[in-house]
Amino acid sequence: MRRLAAAAFVVIMLSGCAPMVTVWPVEAEKAQVFDVFQYEGLQERMVGEPVFQYRLSVKTRPGFAATENFQPEPDTNHSPSGLPVPEIKAGSEWVAFGRLRLPDGEGYVCANVSDAPRIVMSPTLAWEFCLLVDKEGAAYGTAFCDDEYSTWLREHDSHGSIKKLKYGTKTDKYAGLYGAKGTIFVQIWNEKPPKGLFKPKKIYVGKVLTGRAIIYVGKAGSVLRFISREWMQQDMELTFDLNESKIVGISGVQFEVLDATNSSIKFKIITPPQRIKEMMDEQEQKLNSGDEEVRGI
């Protein structure tokens, strides 16, 4: 009976007697980035356009973007007098990493995509806050993402964007039996924020850029110039002399040049479509095996 009672205790307690919730996993969903590039037949491109290109499938998570500034209520979980909570900035994006099972549906625990806003109790004690948001985008409370009940790992690149995003809670013995991630402190706001404060949107997770592209950049005499671009690699400029061969091969892709000027190129891709599909699959496997990266759409 005790286990059944604990299993049932997975919804937010809207009264202040027990400000904790059970957090359930949010799985990333596959979203196809459509590739409209034509690989067969005679084609013509202008300078700066790709003679070859494909995009990869990606994954998304539910997310939200703030439409205006909003000041959340003070944190009274950690201090009876209340601790200031940083203002939610217009344009900030929040990605769902946890799911909540509510009496009237499901909601999310959302982390800021590009920042780590923190509640400060003292010069040596501070913790990041996240938001409670329902599926329609209505925010209704704060979640405290890196207190004693949770583990939060976020690494940034040289531009300040999130490079890695990992989260896990200390799963209690009951929550773990039912597939939950664990429990987390929350605070339900007494005053509702403006209607439409958050706009639902999909947030990319995974490496998201053109999988591979070969871009025509012009001709000087009989020499053609291309840029080879591949995700996670530095651009390479390559040259080919038409007097040597009209067949150009770059990164496993071959195409025949039928005509070229300094402003345009006519060509036919001669790499079999099946081989192109294999290259796409190979690169997608490499991307999916890496750490999860989060980026707003």
Protein backbone atom coordinates (compact mmCIF):
# COMPACT_ATOMS: atom_id res chain seq x y z
CA MET A 1 0.00 0.00 0.00
CA ARG A 2 2.85 2.37 0.80
CA ARG A 3 4.29 1.84 -2.69
CA LEU A 4 0.92 2.43 -4.32
CA ALA A 5 0.45 5.60 -2.33
CA ALA A 6 3.90 6.82 -3.31
CA ALA A 7 3.29 5.97 -6.97
CA ALA A 8 0.12 8.02 -6.94
CA PHE A 9 2.07 10.98 -5.54
CA VAL A 10 3.30 12.18 -8.95
CA VAL A 11 1.30 15.36 -9.40
CA ILE A 12 2.12 18.87 -8.27
CA MET A 13 0.79 19.72 -4.85
CA LEU A 14 -0.76 23.09 -5.41
CA SER A 15 -0.89 23.83 -1.71
CA GLY A 16 2.29 24.80 0.11
CA CYS A 17 2.55 21.75 2.38
CA ALA A 18 4.88 19.71 0.15
CA PRO A 19 6.55 21.76 -2.63
CA MET A 20 7.96 18.81 -4.57
CA VAL A 21 7.03 17.04 -7.80
CA THR A 22 8.06 13.87 -9.56
CA VAL A 23 9.89 14.53 -12.84
CA TRP A 24 9.40 12.14 -15.75
CA PRO A 25 11.61 11.88 -18.85
CA VAL A 26 10.91 13.89 -22.02
CA GLU A 27 12.16 11.99 -25.03
CA ALA A 28 13.43 13.92 -28.04
CA GLU A 29 11.32 13.49 -31.17
CA LYS A 30 12.69 12.95 -34.65
CA ALA A 31 11.88 15.78 -37.05
CA GLN A 32 12.88 15.47 -40.67
CA VAL A 33 14.70 18.40 -42.24
CA PHE A 34 13.45 18.06 -45.78
CA ASP A 35 16.07 17.86 -48.50
CA VAL A 36 14.78 19.35 -51.76
CA PHE A 37 18.10 19.12 -53.60
CA GLN A 38 17.98 17.29 -56.94
CA TYR A 39 20.70 14.69 -57.48
CA GLU A 40 19.85 13.58 -61.02
CA GLY A 41 19.69 15.21 -64.44
CA LEU A 42 21.23 18.36 -65.93
CA GLN A 43 21.46 21.18 -63.39
CA GLU A 44 22.60 24.79 -63.34
CA ARG A 45 23.75 26.89 -60.37
CA MET A 46 24.90 30.47 -59.94
CA VAL A 47 28.04 31.49 -58.04
CA GLY A 48 27.45 31.03 -54.31
CA GLU A 49 24.90 28.23 -54.79
CA PRO A 50 25.55 24.54 -53.97
CA VAL A 51 26.22 22.06 -56.74
CA PHE A 52 25.73 19.36 -54.12
CA GLN A 53 24.00 19.46 -50.75
CA TYR A 54 22.07 17.36 -48.27
CA ARG A 55 20.59 17.89 -44.84
CA LEU A 56 20.21 15.38 -42.06
CA SER A 57 17.31 14.31 -39.89
CA VAL A 58 17.33 16.01 -36.50
CA LYS A 59 15.54 15.71 -33.17
CA THR A 60 13.49 18.27 -31.30
CA ARG A 61 12.17 18.77 -27.78
CA PRO A 62 9.14 20.77 -26.67
CA GLY A 63 10.10 24.33 -25.81
CA PHE A 64 8.84 27.85 -25.28
CA ALA A 65 9.94 31.42 -26.06
CA ALA A 66 9.09 34.36 -23.78
CA THR A 67 7.18 37.12 -25.55
CA GLU A 68 7.80 39.79 -22.89
CA ASN A 69 9.71 40.43 -19.67
CA PHE A 70 8.25 38.96 -16.49
CA GLN A 71 9.37 39.09 -12.87
CA PRO A 72 8.69 35.76 -11.05
CA GLU A 73 7.70 35.71 -7.43
CA PRO A 74 10.44 35.46 -4.76
CA ASP A 75 11.72 32.03 -3.73
CA THR A 76 10.21 31.24 -0.34
CA ASN A 77 11.21 27.56 -0.37
CA HIS A 78 14.76 28.35 0.69
CA SER A 79 14.10 31.53 2.69
CA PRO A 80 10.90 32.51 4.57
CA SER A 81 11.54 36.17 3.72
CA GLY A 82 11.89 35.31 0.01
CA LEU A 83 14.91 35.38 -2.31
CA PRO A 84 14.89 37.43 -5.54
CA VAL A 85 14.36 35.36 -8.69
CA PRO A 86 15.96 36.74 -11.90
CA GLU A 87 13.62 38.34 -14.39
CA ILE A 88 12.48 36.28 -17.37
CA LYS A 89 13.66 38.15 -20.45
CA ALA A 90 11.60 38.64 -23.60
CA GLY A 91 12.97 36.42 -26.36
CA SER A 92 14.53 33.90 -23.98
CA GLU A 93 14.01 30.28 -24.99
CA TRP A 94 13.31 27.39 -22.62
CA VAL A 95 13.62 23.69 -23.45
CA ALA A 96 11.69 20.92 -21.68
CA PHE A 97 13.90 18.33 -19.97
CA GLY A 98 11.27 16.91 -17.60
CA ARG A 99 7.58 16.08 -17.83
CA LEU A 100 5.02 16.55 -15.06
CA ARG A 101 1.78 14.63 -14.71
CA LEU A 102 -0.87 17.08 -13.65
CA PRO A 103 -4.49 16.48 -12.64
CA ASP A 104 -5.71 18.10 -15.86
CA GLY A 105 -2.99 17.10 -18.28
CA GLU A 106 0.77 17.22 -18.62
CA GLY A 107 3.28 19.98 -18.11
CA TYR A 108 7.01 20.52 -18.40
CA VAL A 109 10.04 21.55 -16.41
CA CYS A 110 11.98 23.87 -18.74
CA ALA A 111 15.58 25.12 -18.66
CA ASN A 112 16.89 28.27 -20.31
CA VAL A 113 18.54 27.36 -23.63
CA SER A 114 21.37 29.91 -23.64
CA ASP A 115 21.73 31.02 -20.02
CA ALA A 116 21.75 29.63 -16.49
CA PRO A 117 19.73 32.14 -14.40
CA ARG A 118 20.48 31.65 -10.72
CA ILE A 119 18.87 32.45 -7.39
CA VAL A 120 21.50 33.76 -4.98
CA MET A 121 21.22 33.12 -1.24
CA SER A 122 24.78 34.10 -0.31
CA PRO A 123 28.14 34.71 -2.04
CA THR A 124 28.84 30.97 -1.78
CA LEU A 125 25.34 29.52 -2.25
CA ALA A 126 23.30 29.84 -5.45
CA TRP A 127 21.27 27.54 -7.65
CA GLU A 128 19.75 27.62 -11.11
CA PHE A 129 16.02 27.98 -11.55
CA CYS A 130 13.82 26.47 -14.25
CA LEU A 131 10.16 27.03 -15.09
CA LEU A 132 6.95 25.04 -14.83
CA VAL A 133 5.04 25.43 -18.09
CA ASP A 134 1.92 23.63 -19.29
CA LYS A 135 1.57 22.25 -22.81
CA GLU A 136 -0.18 25.39 -24.04
CA GLY A 137 2.70 27.61 -22.91
CA ALA A 138 1.21 28.98 -19.70
CA ALA A 139 3.91 29.36 -17.02
CA TYR A 140 2.70 28.78 -13.48
CA GLY A 141 5.71 28.27 -11.24
CA THR A 142 9.41 27.84 -10.68
CA ALA A 143 11.49 24.67 -10.38
CA PHE A 144 14.83 24.69 -8.60
CA CYS A 145 17.05 22.76 -10.95
CA ASP A 146 20.29 22.20 -9.08
CA ASP A 147 19.46 21.88 -5.43
CA GLU A 148 20.27 18.88 -3.25
CA TYR A 149 17.76 16.72 -5.11
CA SER A 150 19.22 17.12 -8.57
CA THR A 151 22.31 17.15 -10.76
CA TRP A 152 22.62 19.68 -13.57
CA LEU A 153 25.50 19.77 -16.08
CA ARG A 154 25.78 22.51 -18.66
CA GLU A 155 28.84 23.36 -20.74
CA HIS A 156 29.12 26.39 -23.03
CA ASP A 157 31.16 26.96 -26.16
CA SER A 158 33.35 30.00 -26.86
CA HIS A 159 30.29 31.97 -28.04
CA GLY A 160 28.36 31.34 -24.83
CA SER A 161 25.86 28.91 -26.37
CA ILE A 162 25.13 25.60 -24.68
CA LYS A 163 27.42 22.83 -25.88
CA LYS A 164 26.19 20.08 -23.57
CA LEU A 165 22.98 19.75 -21.59
CA LYS A 166 22.51 16.91 -19.17
CA TYR A 167 20.12 16.65 -16.24
CA GLY A 168 19.17 14.06 -13.69
CA THR A 169 17.51 14.02 -10.29
CA LYS A 170 18.18 11.87 -7.27
CA THR A 171 15.59 9.25 -8.04
CA ASP A 172 13.83 8.10 -4.90
CA LYS A 173 13.15 4.40 -4.48
CA TYR A 174 9.49 4.78 -5.45
CA ALA A 175 9.83 7.06 -8.46
CA GLY A 176 12.49 4.81 -10.00
CA LEU A 177 10.13 1.85 -9.97
CA TYR A 178 7.78 3.70 -12.29
CA GLY A 179 10.29 5.13 -14.75
CA ALA A 180 10.53 8.62 -13.27
CA LYS A 181 13.74 10.66 -13.16
CA GLY A 182 13.21 11.68 -9.55
CA THR A 183 11.82 14.54 -7.51
CA ILE A 184 12.46 18.27 -7.55
CA PHE A 185 11.48 21.32 -5.47
CA VAL A 186 8.94 23.65 -7.07
CA GLN A 187 7.12 26.83 -6.18
CA ILE A 188 3.68 27.56 -7.59
CA TRP A 189 3.10 31.25 -8.31
CA ASN A 190 0.25 32.95 -6.49
CA GLU A 191 0.00 35.62 -9.18
CA LYS A 192 -0.46 34.35 -12.73
CA PRO A 193 1.82 35.85 -15.39
CA PRO A 194 0.37 37.68 -18.43
CA LYS A 195 -1.60 35.46 -20.77
CA GLY A 196 0.57 34.45 -23.70
CA LEU A 197 3.83 35.09 -21.84
CA PHE A 198 5.28 32.00 -23.53
CA LYS A 199 4.87 30.89 -27.12
CA PRO A 200 5.29 27.14 -27.73
CA LYS A 201 8.06 26.21 -30.18
CA LYS A 202 10.26 23.28 -31.07
CA ILE A 203 13.86 23.32 -29.88
CA TYR A 204 16.50 21.51 -31.90
CA VAL A 205 18.62 18.95 -30.08
CA GLY A 206 21.56 17.36 -31.82
CA LYS A 207 24.01 18.86 -34.28
CA VAL A 208 21.91 20.85 -36.71
CA LEU A 209 23.44 22.24 -39.89
CA THR A 210 23.75 21.25 -43.51
CA GLY A 211 25.16 17.73 -43.51
CA ARG A 212 27.41 18.41 -46.48
CA ALA A 213 27.59 21.04 -49.22
CA ILE A 214 29.81 21.82 -52.22
CA ILE A 215 29.44 25.45 -53.28
CA TYR A 216 30.51 26.91 -56.61
CA VAL A 217 32.50 30.13 -56.17
CA GLY A 218 33.64 30.95 -59.70
CA LYS A 219 36.08 30.38 -62.52
CA ALA A 220 39.42 31.91 -63.49
CA GLY A 221 40.58 30.80 -66.95
CA SER A 222 40.18 27.03 -66.99
CA VAL A 223 40.28 26.70 -63.19
CA LEU A 224 37.04 26.17 -61.21
CA ARG A 225 36.79 27.12 -57.54
CA PHE A 226 34.60 25.39 -54.96
CA ILE A 227 34.06 25.48 -51.20
CA SER A 228 33.59 22.14 -49.46
CA ARG A 229 31.48 22.55 -46.31
CA GLU A 230 30.74 19.82 -43.79
CA TRP A 231 29.26 19.98 -40.31
CA MET A 232 31.93 20.14 -37.57
CA GLN A 233 34.67 20.74 -40.16
CA GLN A 234 36.35 23.92 -41.34
CA ASP A 235 35.42 25.13 -44.85
CA MET A 236 37.93 24.12 -47.52
CA GLU A 237 38.44 25.97 -50.81
CA LEU A 238 39.35 23.63 -53.67
CA THR A 239 40.32 24.24 -57.29
CA PHE A 240 40.04 22.03 -60.38
CA ASP A 241 41.48 22.58 -63.85
CA LEU A 242 39.05 21.76 -66.66
CA ASN A 243 41.99 21.17 -69.00
CA GLU A 244 42.90 18.12 -66.90
CA SER A 245 39.41 16.66 -66.49
CA LYS A 246 35.77 17.65 -66.64
CA ILE A 247 35.03 15.23 -63.77
CA VAL A 248 35.22 16.89 -60.34
CA GLY A 249 35.43 14.76 -57.20
CA ILE A 250 35.03 16.24 -53.70
CA SER A 251 34.46 14.31 -50.44
CA GLY A 252 33.28 11.20 -52.26
CA VAL A 253 30.94 13.11 -54.60
CA GLN A 254 31.61 13.24 -58.32
CA PHE A 255 29.95 15.43 -60.94
CA GLU A 256 30.63 16.19 -64.60
CA VAL A 257 31.03 19.84 -65.60
CA LEU A 258 29.23 20.52 -68.89
CA ASP A 259 29.76 24.29 -68.99
CA ALA A 260 31.10 26.90 -66.58
CA THR A 261 31.57 30.66 -66.47
CA ASN A 262 32.58 33.04 -63.69
CA SER A 263 28.91 33.43 -62.78
CA SER A 264 27.32 30.01 -63.35
CA ILE A 265 27.95 26.29 -63.85
CA LYS A 266 26.08 23.50 -65.64
CA PHE A 267 26.72 19.96 -64.42
CA LYS A 268 25.45 16.43 -63.82
CA ILE A 269 26.03 14.50 -60.57
CA ILE A 270 27.39 11.07 -61.46
CA THR A 271 27.64 9.60 -57.94
CA PRO A 272 24.83 7.00 -57.68
CA PRO A 273 21.86 8.13 -55.53
CA GLN A 274 22.24 4.99 -53.39
CA ARG A 275 25.80 6.02 -52.49
CA ILE A 276 24.56 9.52 -51.55
CA LYS A 277 21.94 7.93 -49.29
CA GLU A 278 24.66 5.81 -47.65
CA MET A 279 26.77 8.93 -46.97
CA MET A 280 23.78 10.66 -45.38
CA ASP A 281 23.13 7.64 -43.15
CA GLU A 282 26.78 7.44 -42.13
CA GLN A 283 26.95 11.08 -41.09
CA GLU A 284 23.62 10.95 -39.27
CA GLN A 285 24.89 8.02 -37.21
CA LYS A 286 27.96 10.04 -36.24
CA LEU A 287 25.85 13.00 -35.19
CA ASN A 288 23.40 10.90 -33.19
CA SER A 289 26.24 9.22 -31.29
CA GLY A 290 27.56 12.56 -29.99
CA ASP A 291 26.53 14.65 -26.98
CA GLU A 292 23.20 16.39 -27.16
CA GLU A 293 23.33 20.01 -28.19
CA VAL A 294 20.40 22.37 -27.74
CA ARG A 295 19.55 25.18 -30.12
CA GLY A 296 16.40 27.21 -30.65
CA ILE A 297 14.71 26.99 -34.04
